Amino acid sequence: MTLRNRFLDAIIDGQIGSGIVVTRQELIQYFHNDNELSTGCFLSNSEINTGASHSPTYNHFTMRISEGTYRIHPQALLERMQERGIF
């Protein structure tokens, strides 16, 4: 399973973040077994307006609201919930 899906699942399941807001540090701590180089840049690389392009099909889904703090776009959460069959 991709980091994106595992991350969205953790948000949906209430295991990380506060509602749809999460900090970079929370992400790193929650996924402490993953490579910190990947988790450390994951949120910023996923920014809708400024994120790095991973691939032509990568859908950016975060919005930076302050240094190290991001809001997850509700549509990304809805799509993941539909994939999981919980909405």
C-alpha atoms as a PDB file:
ATOM      1  CA  MET A   1       0.000   0.000   0.000  1.00  0.00           C
ATOM      2  CA  THR A   2       1.301   3.453  -0.859  1.00  0.00           C
ATOM      3  CA  LEU A   3       2.356   5.995   1.744  1.00  0.00           C
ATOM      4  CA  ARG A   4      -0.443   8.218   0.463  1.00  0.00           C
ATOM      5  CA  ASN A   5      -3.103   5.574   1.168  1.00  0.00           C
ATOM      6  CA  ARG A   6      -1.614   4.621   4.526  1.00  0.00           C
ATOM      7  CA  PHE A   7      -1.488   8.313   5.460  1.00  0.00           C
ATOM      8  CA  LEU A   8      -5.071   8.998   4.373  1.00  0.00           C
ATOM      9  CA  ASP A   9      -6.230   5.870   6.237  1.00  0.00           C
ATOM     10  CA  ALA A  10      -4.525   7.107   9.404  1.00  0.00           C
ATOM     11  CA  ILE A  11      -6.259  10.496   9.065  1.00  0.00           C
ATOM     12  CA  ILE A  12      -9.652   8.870   8.381  1.00  0.00           C
ATOM     13  CA  ASP A  13      -9.250   6.442  11.291  1.00  0.00           C
ATOM     14  CA  GLY A  14      -8.280   9.264  13.679  1.00  0.00           C
ATOM     15  CA  GLN A  15      -4.820   7.845  14.378  1.00  0.00           C
ATOM     16  CA  ILE A  16      -2.958  10.961  13.312  1.00  0.00           C
ATOM     17  CA  GLY A  17      -3.683  14.654  13.086  1.00  0.00           C
ATOM     18  CA  SER A  18      -6.527  16.756  14.365  1.00  0.00           C
ATOM     19  CA  GLY A  19      -9.452  16.362  12.017  1.00  0.00           C
ATOM     20  CA  ILE A  20      -8.073  17.141   8.572  1.00  0.00           C
ATOM     21  CA  VAL A  21      -5.037  19.054   9.881  1.00  0.00           C
ATOM     22  CA  VAL A  22      -1.718  17.305  10.456  1.00  0.00           C
ATOM     23  CA  THR A  23       1.825  18.412  11.183  1.00  0.00           C
ATOM     24  CA  ARG A  24       4.970  17.211   9.521  1.00  0.00           C
ATOM     25  CA  GLN A  25       6.243  16.010  12.903  1.00  0.00           C
ATOM     26  CA  GLU A  26       3.091  13.940  13.533  1.00  0.00           C
ATOM     27  CA  LEU A  27       3.548  12.277  10.151  1.00  0.00           C
ATOM     28  CA  ILE A  28       7.206  11.467  10.822  1.00  0.00           C
ATOM     29  CA  GLN A  29       6.413  10.090  14.284  1.00  0.00           C
ATOM     30  CA  TYR A  30       3.476   8.001  13.109  1.00  0.00           C
ATOM     31  CA  PHE A  31       5.431   6.480  10.216  1.00  0.00           C
ATOM     32  CA  HIS A  32       8.646   6.120  12.223  1.00  0.00           C
ATOM     33  CA  ASN A  33       9.456   2.794  10.518  1.00  0.00           C
ATOM     34  CA  ASP A  34       9.455   4.458   7.079  1.00  0.00           C
ATOM     35  CA  ASN A  35      12.398   6.326   5.628  1.00  0.00           C
ATOM     36  CA  GLU A  36      12.437   9.801   7.213  1.00  0.00           C
ATOM     37  CA  LEU A  37      13.654  11.289   3.942  1.00  0.00           C
ATOM     38  CA  SER A  38      10.375  10.176   2.363  1.00  0.00           C
ATOM     39  CA  THR A  39       8.072  11.077   5.224  1.00  0.00           C
ATOM     40  CA  GLY A  40       9.845  14.378   5.884  1.00  0.00           C
ATOM     41  CA  CYS A  41       9.012  15.787   2.470  1.00  0.00           C
ATOM     42  CA  PHE A  42       5.748  13.936   1.831  1.00  0.00           C
ATOM     43  CA  LEU A  43       3.352  16.718   2.881  1.00  0.00           C
ATOM     44  CA  SER A  44       5.179  19.508   1.072  1.00  0.00           C
ATOM     45  CA  ASN A  45       5.566  17.393  -2.073  1.00  0.00           C
ATOM     46  CA  SER A  46       1.816  16.771  -1.963  1.00  0.00           C
ATOM     47  CA  GLU A  47       0.900  20.471  -1.845  1.00  0.00           C
ATOM     48  CA  ILE A  48      -1.733  21.401  -4.386  1.00  0.00           C
ATOM     49  CA  ASN A  49      -0.137  24.682  -5.467  1.00  0.00           C
ATOM     50  CA  THR A  50       3.578  24.178  -4.994  1.00  0.00           C
ATOM     51  CA  GLY A  51       4.299  20.465  -4.593  1.00  0.00           C
ATOM     52  CA  ALA A  52       6.961  18.701  -6.609  1.00  0.00           C
ATOM     53  CA  SER A  53       5.680  16.641  -9.485  1.00  0.00           C
ATOM     54  CA  HIS A  54       6.154  12.937  -8.681  1.00  0.00           C
ATOM     55  CA  SER A  55       4.500  11.795 -11.865  1.00  0.00           C
ATOM     56  CA  PRO A  56       2.008  13.125 -14.407  1.00  0.00           C
ATOM     57  CA  THR A  57      -0.796  11.257 -12.639  1.00  0.00           C
ATOM     58  CA  TYR A  58       0.040  12.189  -9.011  1.00  0.00           C
ATOM     59  CA  ASN A  59      -2.873  14.069  -7.451  1.00  0.00           C
ATOM     60  CA  HIS A  60      -1.682  16.672  -4.966  1.00  0.00           C
ATOM     61  CA  PHE A  61      -3.939  16.900  -1.924  1.00  0.00           C
ATOM     62  CA  THR A  62      -2.450  19.023   0.875  1.00  0.00           C
ATOM     63  CA  MET A  63      -2.565  22.745   1.604  1.00  0.00           C
ATOM     64  CA  ARG A  64       0.057  24.352   3.813  1.00  0.00           C
ATOM     65  CA  ILE A  65      -1.587  26.445   6.511  1.00  0.00           C
ATOM     66  CA  SER A  66       1.571  27.307   8.453  1.00  0.00           C
ATOM     67  CA  GLU A  67       5.171  26.155   8.748  1.00  0.00           C
ATOM     68  CA  GLY A  68       5.024  22.355   9.037  1.00  0.00           C
ATOM     69  CA  THR A  69       1.221  22.235   9.295  1.00  0.00           C
ATOM     70  CA  TYR A  70      -1.014  21.058   6.484  1.00  0.00           C
ATOM     71  CA  ARG A  71      -4.710  20.622   5.771  1.00  0.00           C
ATOM     72  CA  ILE A  72      -5.782  17.572   3.811  1.00  0.00           C
ATOM     73  CA  HIS A  73      -8.163  18.316   0.964  1.00  0.00           C
ATOM     74  CA  PRO A  74     -11.546  16.777   1.852  1.00  0.00           C
ATOM     75  CA  GLN A  75     -11.949  15.345  -1.662  1.00  0.00           C
ATOM     76  CA  ALA A  76      -8.861  13.173  -1.172  1.00  0.00           C
ATOM     77  CA  LEU A  77     -10.336  11.825   2.050  1.00  0.00           C
ATOM     78  CA  LEU A  78     -13.713  11.202   0.428  1.00  0.00           C
ATOM     79  CA  GLU A  79     -12.128   9.332  -2.478  1.00  0.00           C
ATOM     80  CA  ARG A  80     -10.090   7.165  -0.107  1.00  0.00           C
ATOM     81  CA  MET A  81     -13.162   6.422   2.017  1.00  0.00           C
ATOM     82  CA  GLN A  82     -15.011   5.364  -1.127  1.00  0.00           C
ATOM     83  CA  GLU A  83     -12.095   3.102  -2.114  1.00  0.00           C
ATOM     84  CA  ARG A  84     -12.321   1.502   1.323  1.00  0.00           C
ATOM     85  CA  GLY A  85     -16.085   1.153   1.062  1.00  0.00           C
ATOM     86  CA  ILE A  86     -16.792   3.205   4.176  1.00  0.00           C
ATOM     87  CA  PHE A  87     -18.712   6.008   2.496  1.00  0.00           C
END
